[in-house]
Amino acid sequence: MELKFVDPRSLKDNPDKARRSKSSPQADALLLATIKAVGIVEPPIVTAETGGGNGFIIDEGHRRAKQAIAAGLEEIAVLVVPRAEDGGAMRSLATALTHEHLHPVDLWRAIERLVALNWTEEAIGIALAQSVRQIKKLRLLANVLPAMLDSMAKGDMPNEQQLRTIAAASLDEQKEVWKAHKPSKGDPQVSWWAVANGLTKRRMYARDASFGDELAQAYGIAWVEDLFAPADQDSRYTTDVEAFLGAQQEWMTLSLPKKGVIAEVNTWGEVKLPPKAERVHGTPKKSDHTAMYLDREGKVKTAHFRMPEAKKTKGKDADAGYTGEIVVSKPRPDVTRKGVEMIGDLRTDALHEALSRAPIEDDTMLALLVLAFAGHNVRVDSGASGDYRYGSRFGRHAAALFDAEGKFAFDTDTLRIAARGVLVDAFSCREGMSKSGVVAIVAGSAIGADGFLANMGREDFLSCLSRPSLEGSCADTPVLPRARVKDTRAALVEHFKEGHFVHPAALLSLGS
């Protein structure tokens, strides 16, 4: 180590310096005033330039050198030290932290540089007097879109909850949301609430799961640790809601007591008990029943209830009264609500494709028109292309029936094309207000729309099936059910990659 006096203007900045975001004007003004009053108390640390140069590169003290120039100093003292094995990365970071609070983005970049130089997270934590959990939390910034990081580095940081949500999303998802909410010249402030809201996914926590590792593996649940949560609680979670609820449902089925039933909840989240059942809030008796159900957060809850005693009557009605049979809820459906919605979309697409391309006789066409306008959705809320603007699409079909001079004139082929277009806009199997009801099923069956159904042997649809339904889908295939639902699903996806699978629930027939 050697003390030298040099012109601060001759010093060169270190391209790998820890602090990259701008210091606050107040901090720079205070440092400038101190240098003017008493000079530089602690000399900057520099290293000799390599590669043929004879100058010095600042290792620590970029702000001091800059403010010394602003103060008009012709010469300052510097400490010349040998270059460290890691290029002075840790020394630069530690010194930057002691002089002024380092911006989180700068701190993360410095930590990533140390990791690239073979520093472990434990070693970095010890050197910076930080917990390993805090180091891991900062490293989550590696999951943030670079464009967002640039905005954060300017001092515009989201709060911890928002940062947690952003870091948990994929880069593709972040990119799409950033397009809608990135700052502009007219509005340079980033609405981090809107960004985080656009990336929010429902989380199901491991601490709320009643099932164990075996069912978690069977349903392909991979827990992710929430590093922003308090360190003394189990913060593992999954965003695969369907798999979590499926595992909870199967655990309840396997864990039902002797007089137990699986119940549902009402709109307010309260358990639905059998008619005439009396809920027991105190200690239950051996003769009482137990209802197991999932609350709004996916937790398994239990409620005890008591049924009235069977009434004994004389004569021919001696067997009348409560029979003791309890029916609370149906078992888990073969296809979830999300799966039903997907079926509605696939049915609609197939129906529209058939209406556009399949051979249809003229008398059938007229009959279909009568059916179409008898549908539940005849206001008309069109299901075509997701357009629900009350009948506004029908004008274009009528326009085709007029000639260039505005006269109502058309040929048979033009009429047929227009009629097909009207049917496409009128018939819909989509879930929601645009659903035509049974008439769309009748129409689809009449024109063979099943032949236009897309391949449903995909991960997104098969993940909506219950275990029995998924294993039933292995029929007529060489795929055998596996111990884990995830493995069975993956095998079916691989099998149908080049094939074609249609779930029976999606067929357009009156029995579906």
Protein backbone atom coordinates (compact mmCIF):
# COMPACT_ATOMS: atom_id res chain seq x y z
CA MET A 1 0.00 0.00 0.00
CA GLU A 2 1.41 3.41 -0.97
CA LEU A 3 0.18 6.98 -0.37
CA LYS A 4 0.37 9.27 -3.42
CA PHE A 5 -0.82 12.77 -4.32
CA VAL A 6 -2.48 13.00 -7.74
CA ASP A 7 -4.76 15.27 -9.74
CA PRO A 8 -8.32 13.91 -9.21
CA ARG A 9 -9.06 14.65 -12.89
CA SER A 10 -6.47 12.03 -13.93
CA LEU A 11 -8.21 9.21 -12.07
CA LYS A 12 -10.28 6.77 -14.13
CA ASP A 13 -13.62 5.27 -13.09
CA ASN A 14 -13.86 1.54 -12.43
CA PRO A 15 -16.36 0.09 -14.94
CA ASP A 16 -17.35 -2.55 -12.33
CA LYS A 17 -18.03 -0.14 -9.47
CA ALA A 18 -20.66 -1.21 -6.97
CA ARG A 19 -22.66 2.04 -6.93
CA ARG A 20 -24.27 2.84 -10.28
CA SER A 21 -27.46 4.64 -9.33
CA LYS A 22 -27.14 8.37 -8.69
CA SER A 23 -26.66 9.60 -5.14
CA SER A 24 -29.21 12.00 -3.74
CA PRO A 25 -28.48 15.73 -4.29
CA GLN A 26 -28.53 16.24 -0.51
CA ALA A 27 -25.80 13.61 0.02
CA ASP A 28 -23.61 15.11 -2.74
CA ALA A 29 -24.07 18.64 -1.35
CA LEU A 30 -23.08 17.48 2.15
CA LEU A 31 -19.96 15.72 0.86
CA LEU A 32 -18.94 18.77 -1.21
CA ALA A 33 -19.32 21.08 1.79
CA THR A 34 -17.21 18.70 3.95
CA ILE A 35 -14.42 18.58 1.33
CA LYS A 36 -14.39 22.39 1.02
CA ALA A 37 -14.20 22.76 4.80
CA VAL A 38 -11.70 20.07 5.85
CA GLY A 39 -10.63 18.31 2.64
CA ILE A 40 -10.91 14.58 2.00
CA VAL A 41 -10.70 12.81 5.35
CA GLU A 42 -10.38 9.28 3.95
CA PRO A 43 -8.27 8.98 0.76
CA PRO A 44 -9.84 7.08 -2.15
CA ILE A 45 -8.33 3.66 -2.85
CA VAL A 46 -6.94 3.16 -6.35
CA THR A 47 -5.13 0.45 -8.28
CA ALA A 48 -2.51 0.78 -10.99
CA GLU A 49 -3.87 0.58 -14.51
CA THR A 50 -3.00 -2.62 -16.37
CA GLY A 51 -2.64 -3.38 -20.06
CA GLY A 52 0.07 -0.82 -20.77
CA GLY A 53 -1.48 2.20 -19.05
CA ASN A 54 0.34 4.22 -16.40
CA GLY A 55 -2.65 5.84 -14.66
CA PHE A 56 -4.78 4.82 -11.72
CA ILE A 57 -8.29 3.29 -11.58
CA ILE A 58 -10.58 4.19 -8.67
CA ASP A 59 -11.45 1.13 -6.61
CA GLU A 60 -13.23 3.00 -3.82
CA GLY A 61 -14.14 6.67 -3.60
CA HIS A 62 -15.75 7.68 -6.91
CA ARG A 63 -17.98 10.23 -5.18
CA ARG A 64 -15.06 11.71 -3.21
CA ALA A 65 -13.01 12.17 -6.40
CA LYS A 66 -15.96 13.73 -8.23
CA GLN A 67 -16.73 16.20 -5.43
CA ALA A 68 -13.01 17.05 -5.07
CA ILE A 69 -13.07 18.16 -8.72
CA ALA A 70 -16.25 20.16 -8.02
CA ALA A 71 -14.46 21.81 -5.04
CA GLY A 72 -11.61 22.87 -7.34
CA LEU A 73 -8.87 20.82 -5.64
CA GLU A 74 -5.74 20.49 -7.78
CA GLU A 75 -4.37 17.50 -5.88
CA ILE A 76 -5.72 14.85 -3.49
CA ALA A 77 -4.17 11.98 -1.55
CA VAL A 78 -4.93 8.43 -2.74
CA LEU A 79 -3.93 4.99 -1.45
CA VAL A 80 -2.47 2.75 -4.16
CA VAL A 81 -3.13 -0.93 -3.39
CA PRO A 82 -2.45 -4.16 -5.29
CA ARG A 83 -5.42 -5.44 -7.28
CA ALA A 84 -7.35 -8.15 -5.37
CA GLU A 85 -8.03 -11.61 -6.80
CA ASP A 86 -11.71 -10.73 -7.28
CA GLY A 87 -10.80 -7.40 -8.84
CA GLY A 88 -11.67 -5.59 -5.59
CA ALA A 89 -15.36 -6.50 -5.95
CA MET A 90 -15.98 -7.29 -2.26
CA ARG A 91 -13.85 -4.38 -1.01
CA SER A 92 -15.69 -1.95 -3.29
CA LEU A 93 -19.09 -3.25 -2.19
CA ALA A 94 -18.29 -3.21 1.54
CA THR A 95 -16.91 0.35 1.36
CA ALA A 96 -19.91 1.60 -0.64
CA LEU A 97 -22.25 0.21 2.01
CA THR A 98 -20.41 1.99 4.85
CA HIS A 99 -20.53 5.46 3.20
CA GLU A 100 -24.16 5.62 2.03
CA HIS A 101 -27.11 3.25 1.73
CA LEU A 102 -26.70 1.36 -1.54
CA HIS A 103 -29.67 1.10 -3.90
CA PRO A 104 -31.11 -2.47 -3.91
CA VAL A 105 -30.52 -2.84 -7.66
CA ASP A 106 -26.86 -1.81 -7.26
CA LEU A 107 -26.51 -4.14 -4.29
CA TRP A 108 -27.99 -7.02 -6.29
CA ARG A 109 -25.65 -6.35 -9.24
CA ALA A 110 -22.66 -6.32 -6.90
CA ILE A 111 -23.76 -9.61 -5.31
CA GLU A 112 -24.23 -11.23 -8.74
CA ARG A 113 -20.72 -10.08 -9.67
CA LEU A 114 -19.33 -11.72 -6.53
CA VAL A 115 -21.23 -14.95 -7.27
CA ALA A 116 -19.71 -14.94 -10.77
CA LEU A 117 -16.31 -14.64 -9.07
CA ASN A 118 -17.04 -17.86 -7.11
CA TRP A 119 -18.18 -16.22 -3.88
CA THR A 120 -20.84 -18.34 -2.12
CA GLU A 121 -24.02 -16.82 -0.70
CA GLU A 122 -22.88 -17.82 2.79
CA ALA A 123 -19.51 -16.09 2.35
CA ILE A 124 -21.16 -12.92 0.99
CA GLY A 125 -23.57 -12.91 3.94
CA ILE A 126 -20.73 -13.19 6.45
CA ALA A 127 -18.68 -10.46 4.74
CA LEU A 128 -21.63 -8.04 4.63
CA ALA A 129 -23.09 -9.03 8.02
CA GLN A 130 -26.30 -10.09 6.24
CA SER A 131 -28.33 -13.29 6.56
CA VAL A 132 -28.20 -15.80 3.72
CA ARG A 133 -31.98 -15.34 3.39
CA GLN A 134 -31.45 -11.61 2.75
CA ILE A 135 -28.84 -12.41 0.08
CA LYS A 136 -31.27 -14.85 -1.57
CA LYS A 137 -34.00 -12.21 -1.44
CA LEU A 138 -31.82 -9.67 -3.23
CA ARG A 139 -30.90 -12.26 -5.84
CA LEU A 140 -34.61 -12.51 -6.74
CA LEU A 141 -34.02 -9.33 -8.73
CA ALA A 142 -32.38 -11.61 -11.29
CA ASN A 143 -35.96 -12.70 -12.13
CA VAL A 144 -37.05 -9.13 -12.92
CA LEU A 145 -37.31 -7.85 -16.49
CA PRO A 146 -34.21 -5.69 -17.31
CA ALA A 147 -36.42 -2.79 -18.42
CA MET A 148 -38.11 -2.82 -14.99
CA LEU A 149 -34.70 -2.97 -13.29
CA ASP A 150 -33.63 0.15 -15.16
CA SER A 151 -36.65 2.02 -13.82
CA MET A 152 -36.00 0.73 -10.30
CA ALA A 153 -32.34 1.82 -10.52
CA LYS A 154 -33.53 5.41 -11.02
CA GLY A 155 -34.93 5.36 -7.50
CA ASP A 156 -38.48 4.31 -8.38
CA MET A 157 -38.78 1.09 -6.37
CA PRO A 158 -41.93 -1.01 -5.82
CA ASN A 159 -42.74 -2.03 -2.27
CA GLU A 160 -41.73 -5.45 -0.98
CA GLN A 161 -45.09 -7.10 -1.71
CA GLN A 162 -45.12 -5.78 -5.28
CA LEU A 163 -41.51 -6.85 -5.87
CA ARG A 164 -42.35 -10.32 -4.59
CA THR A 165 -45.22 -10.62 -7.09
CA ILE A 166 -43.13 -9.33 -9.99
CA ALA A 167 -40.17 -11.62 -9.26
CA ALA A 168 -42.46 -14.67 -9.06
CA ALA A 169 -43.78 -14.14 -12.62
CA SER A 170 -42.05 -15.36 -15.77
CA LEU A 171 -40.13 -12.93 -17.97
CA ASP A 172 -42.66 -13.40 -20.78
CA GLU A 173 -45.51 -12.45 -18.46
CA GLN A 174 -43.56 -9.45 -17.16
CA LYS A 175 -42.84 -8.33 -20.72
CA GLU A 176 -46.55 -8.34 -21.65
CA VAL A 177 -47.59 -6.42 -18.54
CA TRP A 178 -44.70 -3.93 -18.93
CA LYS A 179 -45.92 -3.06 -22.44
CA ALA A 180 -49.19 -1.83 -20.93
CA HIS A 181 -47.74 -0.05 -17.88
CA LYS A 182 -44.27 1.18 -18.80
CA PRO A 183 -43.64 4.91 -18.17
CA SER A 184 -43.97 7.50 -20.92
CA LYS A 185 -42.79 11.07 -21.39
CA GLY A 186 -46.19 12.33 -20.34
CA ASP A 187 -46.34 10.02 -17.32
CA PRO A 188 -42.79 9.04 -16.22
CA GLN A 189 -43.95 7.53 -12.91
CA VAL A 190 -44.35 3.73 -12.95
CA SER A 191 -47.55 2.40 -11.39
CA TRP A 192 -45.99 -0.59 -9.65
CA TRP A 193 -49.40 -1.45 -8.17
CA ALA A 194 -50.81 -1.90 -11.68
CA VAL A 195 -47.77 -3.94 -12.77
CA ALA A 196 -48.00 -6.23 -9.74
CA ASN A 197 -51.78 -6.52 -10.09
CA GLY A 198 -51.39 -7.66 -13.70
CA LEU A 199 -48.98 -10.40 -12.57
CA THR A 200 -50.84 -11.55 -9.47
CA LYS A 201 -51.56 -15.26 -9.28
CA ARG A 202 -53.48 -17.05 -6.58
CA ARG A 203 -51.15 -18.81 -4.15
CA MET A 204 -51.89 -21.98 -2.24
CA TYR A 205 -49.58 -22.41 0.75
CA ALA A 206 -47.98 -25.62 1.97
CA ARG A 207 -48.90 -24.74 5.55
CA ASP A 208 -52.59 -25.00 4.54
CA ALA A 209 -52.15 -28.43 2.90
CA SER A 210 -53.48 -31.49 4.73
CA PHE A 211 -51.92 -33.88 2.21
CA GLY A 212 -48.32 -35.06 2.44
CA ASP A 213 -45.39 -35.37 0.08
CA GLU A 214 -46.76 -38.50 -1.61
CA LEU A 215 -49.92 -36.79 -2.87
CA ALA A 216 -47.96 -33.62 -3.65
CA GLN A 217 -45.71 -35.65 -5.94
CA ALA A 218 -48.69 -37.50 -7.43
CA TYR A 219 -50.30 -34.22 -8.44
CA GLY A 220 -47.03 -32.70 -9.62
CA ILE A 221 -46.98 -29.93 -7.01
CA ALA A 222 -43.60 -28.18 -6.76
CA TRP A 223 -43.36 -25.91 -3.75
CA VAL A 224 -41.68 -22.51 -4.14
CA GLU A 225 -40.31 -20.67 -1.12
CA ASP A 226 -41.46 -17.11 -0.56
CA LEU A 227 -38.22 -15.41 0.50
CA PHE A 228 -40.04 -12.20 1.38
CA ALA A 229 -42.16 -13.88 4.06
CA PRO A 230 -41.10 -13.95 7.74
CA ALA A 231 -38.29 -16.44 8.30
CA ASP A 232 -40.04 -18.23 11.19
CA GLN A 233 -42.99 -19.55 9.16
CA ASP A 234 -43.45 -22.10 6.37
CA SER A 235 -43.73 -19.82 3.33
CA ARG A 236 -43.72 -22.49 0.61
CA TYR A 237 -46.47 -22.08 -1.99
CA THR A 238 -47.71 -23.18 -5.41
CA THR A 239 -49.72 -21.35 -8.06
CA ASP A 240 -51.10 -24.62 -9.45
CA VAL A 241 -54.49 -24.18 -7.79
CA GLU A 242 -56.19 -27.09 -9.56
CA ALA A 243 -53.50 -29.56 -8.45
CA PHE A 244 -53.58 -28.27 -4.85
CA LEU A 245 -57.38 -28.55 -4.57
CA GLY A 246 -57.31 -31.96 -6.24
CA ALA A 247 -54.79 -33.26 -3.70
CA GLN A 248 -56.83 -31.78 -0.84
CA GLN A 249 -59.98 -33.42 -2.20
CA GLU A 250 -58.30 -36.82 -2.50
CA TRP A 251 -56.87 -36.51 1.01
CA MET A 252 -60.37 -35.84 2.38
CA THR A 253 -61.72 -38.87 0.51
CA LEU A 254 -59.00 -41.08 2.00
CA SER A 255 -59.34 -39.60 5.50
CA LEU A 256 -63.11 -39.61 5.98
CA PRO A 257 -64.17 -40.91 9.41
CA LYS A 258 -66.80 -43.64 9.75
CA LYS A 259 -69.73 -41.21 9.79
CA GLY A 260 -68.09 -38.63 7.63
CA VAL A 261 -69.16 -36.94 4.42
CA ILE A 262 -67.53 -34.46 2.04
CA ALA A 263 -69.54 -31.23 1.97
CA GLU A 264 -69.56 -28.10 -0.15
CA VAL A 265 -69.70 -24.43 0.84
CA ASN A 266 -72.24 -21.79 -0.10
CA THR A 267 -71.67 -18.34 -1.60
CA TRP A 268 -70.58 -16.94 1.76
CA GLY A 269 -68.07 -19.72 2.38
CA GLU A 270 -70.19 -21.53 4.98
CA VAL A 271 -70.53 -25.31 4.98
CA LYS A 272 -73.72 -26.73 3.43
CA LEU A 273 -75.14 -29.43 5.71
CA PRO A 274 -77.93 -31.91 4.83
CA PRO A 275 -81.55 -30.76 5.19
CA LYS A 276 -82.79 -30.87 8.80
CA ALA A 277 -79.21 -31.29 10.08
CA GLU A 278 -78.37 -29.53 13.35
CA ARG A 279 -74.81 -28.28 13.62
CA VAL A 280 -72.94 -29.28 16.77
CA HIS A 281 -70.66 -26.53 18.07
CA GLY A 282 -69.63 -28.27 21.27
CA THR A 283 -68.13 -31.71 21.86
CA PRO A 284 -69.68 -34.18 19.39
CA LYS A 285 -71.21 -37.51 20.43
CA LYS A 286 -70.34 -40.87 18.93
CA SER A 287 -73.63 -40.84 17.05
CA ASP A 288 -72.93 -37.46 15.42
CA HIS A 289 -71.67 -37.02 11.88
CA THR A 290 -68.65 -35.17 10.53
CA ALA A 291 -68.61 -33.02 7.41
CA MET A 292 -65.25 -32.27 5.78
CA TYR A 293 -65.02 -29.38 3.32
CA LEU A 294 -62.63 -26.90 1.70
CA ASP A 295 -62.93 -23.24 2.64
CA ARG A 296 -62.24 -20.34 0.30
CA GLU A 297 -58.49 -20.56 0.94
CA GLY A 298 -58.38 -24.28 0.12
CA LYS A 299 -57.94 -25.38 3.76
CA VAL A 300 -59.59 -28.59 4.97
CA LYS A 301 -62.21 -27.80 7.62
CA THR A 302 -64.51 -30.04 9.64
CA ALA A 303 -67.96 -29.46 11.05
CA HIS A 304 -70.00 -31.81 13.24
CA PHE A 305 -73.75 -32.19 12.85
CA ARG A 306 -76.62 -34.22 14.23
CA MET A 307 -79.57 -35.62 12.30
CA PRO A 308 -83.08 -35.90 13.78
CA GLU A 309 -84.20 -39.31 14.95
CA ALA A 310 -86.41 -41.28 12.60
CA LYS A 311 -90.11 -40.84 13.37
CA LYS A 312 -91.92 -44.06 14.24
CA THR A 313 -95.53 -44.18 13.07
CA LYS A 314 -98.15 -46.87 13.26
CA GLY A 315 -99.95 -48.61 10.47
CA LYS A 316 -99.02 -48.68 6.80
CA ASP A 317 -96.83 -45.56 7.18
CA ALA A 318 -94.65 -47.18 9.82
CA ASP A 319 -91.57 -46.88 7.66
CA ALA A 320 -92.10 -43.19 6.84
CA GLY A 321 -89.80 -40.48 8.18
CA TYR A 322 -86.04 -39.88 8.23
CA THR A 323 -84.24 -42.93 6.85
CA GLY A 324 -80.75 -42.07 8.08
CA GLU A 325 -79.31 -41.70 4.57
CA ILE A 326 -77.18 -38.58 4.21
CA VAL A 327 -76.29 -37.05 0.88
CA VAL A 328 -74.37 -33.80 1.22
CA SER A 329 -72.43 -33.35 -1.99
CA LYS A 330 -71.39 -35.10 -5.14
CA PRO A 331 -67.83 -36.46 -5.41
CA ARG A 332 -65.25 -34.31 -7.17
CA PRO A 333 -66.39 -33.90 -10.78
CA ASP A 334 -64.43 -35.63 -13.52
CA VAL A 335 -63.84 -32.25 -15.18
CA THR A 336 -63.22 -29.06 -13.21
CA ARG A 337 -64.95 -25.75 -13.89
CA LYS A 338 -61.95 -24.57 -15.86
CA GLY A 339 -62.11 -27.76 -17.91
CA VAL A 340 -65.83 -27.19 -18.59
CA GLU A 341 -65.01 -23.70 -19.85
CA MET A 342 -62.30 -25.12 -22.13
CA ILE A 343 -64.76 -27.70 -23.46
CA GLY A 344 -67.21 -24.88 -24.23
CA ASP A 345 -64.54 -23.02 -26.20
CA LEU A 346 -63.45 -26.15 -28.08
CA ARG A 347 -67.04 -27.10 -28.88
CA THR A 348 -67.75 -23.59 -30.17
CA ASP A 349 -64.66 -23.60 -32.38
CA ALA A 350 -65.57 -27.00 -33.82
CA LEU A 351 -69.20 -25.95 -34.37
CA HIS A 352 -68.14 -22.77 -36.15
CA GLU A 353 -65.64 -24.68 -38.28
CA ALA A 354 -68.30 -27.17 -39.30
CA LEU A 355 -70.77 -24.37 -40.08
CA SER A 356 -68.17 -22.79 -42.32
CA ARG A 357 -66.93 -25.89 -44.17
CA ALA A 358 -69.19 -28.94 -43.71
CA PRO A 359 -71.79 -29.78 -46.43
CA ILE A 360 -75.22 -28.48 -45.32
CA GLU A 361 -78.45 -28.93 -47.28
CA ASP A 362 -80.60 -25.85 -47.79
CA ASP A 363 -83.55 -27.23 -45.78
CA THR A 364 -81.15 -28.08 -42.95
CA MET A 365 -79.74 -24.57 -43.13
CA LEU A 366 -83.20 -23.03 -42.69
CA ALA A 367 -83.96 -25.37 -39.80
CA LEU A 368 -80.69 -24.40 -38.15
CA LEU A 369 -81.58 -20.71 -38.46
CA VAL A 370 -84.83 -21.37 -36.63
CA LEU A 371 -82.91 -23.24 -33.91
CA ALA A 372 -80.25 -20.55 -33.66
CA PHE A 373 -82.71 -17.81 -32.79
CA ALA A 374 -84.41 -20.02 -30.22
CA GLY A 375 -81.19 -20.16 -28.24
CA HIS A 376 -80.65 -18.79 -24.74
CA ASN A 377 -78.30 -16.15 -26.05
CA VAL A 378 -80.58 -14.49 -28.55
CA ARG A 379 -80.13 -10.83 -27.80
CA VAL A 380 -77.69 -11.77 -29.58
CA ASP A 381 -74.47 -12.05 -27.54
CA SER A 382 -72.14 -13.47 -30.16
CA GLY A 383 -69.55 -16.02 -29.08
CA ALA A 384 -67.55 -15.68 -32.28
CA SER A 385 -63.95 -14.58 -31.68
CA GLY A 386 -64.83 -13.59 -28.10
CA ASP A 387 -66.96 -10.68 -29.41
CA TYR A 388 -69.97 -10.09 -27.15
CA ARG A 389 -71.27 -6.83 -28.65
CA TYR A 390 -75.03 -7.38 -28.75
CA GLY A 391 -75.65 -8.38 -32.37
CA SER A 392 -73.38 -5.71 -33.86
CA ARG A 393 -71.69 -8.34 -36.08
CA PHE A 394 -74.86 -9.16 -38.06
CA GLY A 395 -74.79 -6.00 -40.18
CA ARG A 396 -71.88 -7.30 -42.21
CA HIS A 397 -73.84 -10.42 -43.18
CA ALA A 398 -76.80 -8.35 -44.35
CA ALA A 399 -74.48 -6.02 -46.31
CA ALA A 400 -73.42 -8.94 -48.50
CA LEU A 401 -77.00 -9.21 -49.78
CA PHE A 402 -76.86 -5.75 -51.45
CA ASP A 403 -75.23 -5.00 -54.81
CA ALA A 404 -72.85 -2.15 -55.66
CA GLU A 405 -75.75 0.20 -56.36
CA GLY A 406 -77.39 -0.43 -53.02
CA LYS A 407 -80.15 -2.67 -54.33
CA PHE A 408 -81.31 -5.71 -52.38
CA ALA A 409 -80.00 -8.34 -54.80
CA PHE A 410 -78.09 -11.57 -54.29
CA ASP A 411 -77.50 -15.00 -55.75
CA THR A 412 -77.92 -18.37 -54.04
CA ASP A 413 -74.22 -18.78 -53.25
CA THR A 414 -74.05 -15.32 -51.63
CA LEU A 415 -77.12 -16.14 -49.54
CA ARG A 416 -75.59 -19.41 -48.37
CA ILE A 417 -72.35 -17.68 -47.31
CA ALA A 418 -74.30 -15.01 -45.43
CA ALA A 419 -76.47 -17.66 -43.74
CA ARG A 420 -73.40 -19.58 -42.60
CA GLY A 421 -71.93 -16.37 -41.19
CA VAL A 422 -75.14 -15.65 -39.25
CA LEU A 423 -75.07 -19.18 -37.79
CA VAL A 424 -71.42 -18.80 -36.76
CA ASP A 425 -72.26 -15.61 -34.86
CA ALA A 426 -75.45 -17.00 -33.31
CA PHE A 427 -74.44 -20.48 -32.14
CA SER A 428 -72.11 -20.70 -29.14
CA CYS A 429 -71.15 -23.30 -26.56
CA ARG A 430 -68.92 -20.96 -24.55
CA GLU A 431 -69.60 -20.72 -20.84
CA GLY A 432 -71.27 -17.45 -19.89
CA MET A 433 -73.96 -15.24 -21.41
CA SER A 434 -73.15 -16.22 -25.01
CA LYS A 435 -74.01 -19.90 -24.47
CA SER A 436 -76.84 -21.02 -26.78
CA GLY A 437 -77.78 -24.03 -24.67
CA VAL A 438 -78.95 -27.38 -26.01
CA VAL A 439 -79.79 -25.99 -29.46
CA ALA A 440 -76.07 -25.55 -30.19
CA ILE A 441 -75.49 -29.21 -29.28
CA VAL A 442 -78.34 -30.28 -31.59
CA ALA A 443 -76.88 -28.18 -34.41
CA GLY A 444 -73.38 -29.53 -33.88
CA SER A 445 -74.66 -33.11 -33.91
CA ALA A 446 -76.65 -32.48 -37.11
CA ILE A 447 -73.66 -31.26 -39.11
CA GLY A 448 -70.95 -33.53 -37.64
CA ALA A 449 -69.06 -30.86 -35.65
CA ASP A 450 -67.40 -33.58 -33.55
CA GLY A 451 -65.09 -34.20 -36.49
CA PHE A 452 -63.75 -30.66 -36.14
CA LEU A 453 -62.89 -30.85 -32.42
CA ALA A 454 -59.25 -30.01 -31.71
CA ASN A 455 -56.86 -32.42 -30.01
CA MET A 456 -57.53 -32.28 -26.25
CA GLY A 457 -54.59 -34.50 -25.31
CA ARG A 458 -52.69 -31.43 -24.10
CA GLU A 459 -51.24 -30.54 -20.71
CA ASP A 460 -53.57 -27.57 -20.16
CA PHE A 461 -56.74 -29.66 -20.60
CA LEU A 462 -55.61 -32.96 -19.06
CA SER A 463 -54.60 -31.08 -15.89
CA CYS A 464 -58.32 -30.26 -15.47
CA LEU A 465 -59.30 -33.95 -15.15
CA SER A 466 -59.71 -35.86 -11.90
CA ARG A 467 -57.57 -38.92 -11.29
CA PRO A 468 -60.36 -41.43 -12.24
CA SER A 469 -61.21 -39.46 -15.40
CA LEU A 470 -57.53 -39.16 -16.35
CA GLU A 471 -56.95 -42.87 -15.84
CA GLY A 472 -60.14 -43.59 -17.81
CA SER A 473 -58.63 -41.64 -20.71
CA CYS A 474 -55.90 -44.31 -20.92
CA ALA A 475 -58.46 -46.77 -22.32
CA ASP A 476 -57.80 -47.85 -25.91
CA THR A 477 -54.21 -46.58 -25.59
CA PRO A 478 -50.94 -48.35 -24.67
CA VAL A 479 -50.56 -45.91 -21.76
CA LEU A 480 -50.93 -47.48 -18.32
CA PRO A 481 -51.91 -45.39 -15.26
CA ARG A 482 -48.90 -44.41 -13.16
CA ALA A 483 -48.65 -44.03 -9.40
CA ARG A 484 -48.40 -40.28 -9.83
CA VAL A 485 -51.10 -38.28 -11.60
CA LYS A 486 -48.38 -36.06 -13.05
CA ASP A 487 -46.67 -39.03 -14.71
CA THR A 488 -49.93 -40.39 -16.14
CA ARG A 489 -50.73 -36.98 -17.60
CA ALA A 490 -47.25 -36.60 -19.09
CA ALA A 491 -47.48 -40.06 -20.72
CA LEU A 492 -50.87 -39.20 -22.27
CA VAL A 493 -49.57 -35.88 -23.55
CA GLU A 494 -46.63 -37.67 -25.18
CA HIS A 495 -48.91 -40.35 -26.65
CA PHE A 496 -51.38 -37.86 -28.16
CA LYS A 497 -48.67 -35.49 -29.40
CA GLU A 498 -49.02 -36.98 -32.88
CA GLY A 499 -52.52 -38.41 -32.30
CA HIS A 500 -55.96 -37.02 -31.53
CA PHE A 501 -57.89 -37.23 -28.27
CA VAL A 502 -61.39 -35.98 -27.55
CA HIS A 503 -62.85 -36.27 -24.07
CA PRO A 504 -66.36 -37.80 -24.11
CA ALA A 505 -67.69 -34.77 -22.22
CA ALA A 506 -66.79 -32.55 -25.19
CA LEU A 507 -68.74 -34.48 -27.84
CA LEU A 508 -71.59 -32.54 -29.39
CA SER A 509 -74.42 -34.96 -28.81
CA LEU A 510 -77.62 -34.80 -26.81
CA GLY A 511 -76.17 -37.09 -24.17
CA SER A 512 -73.16 -34.81 -23.49
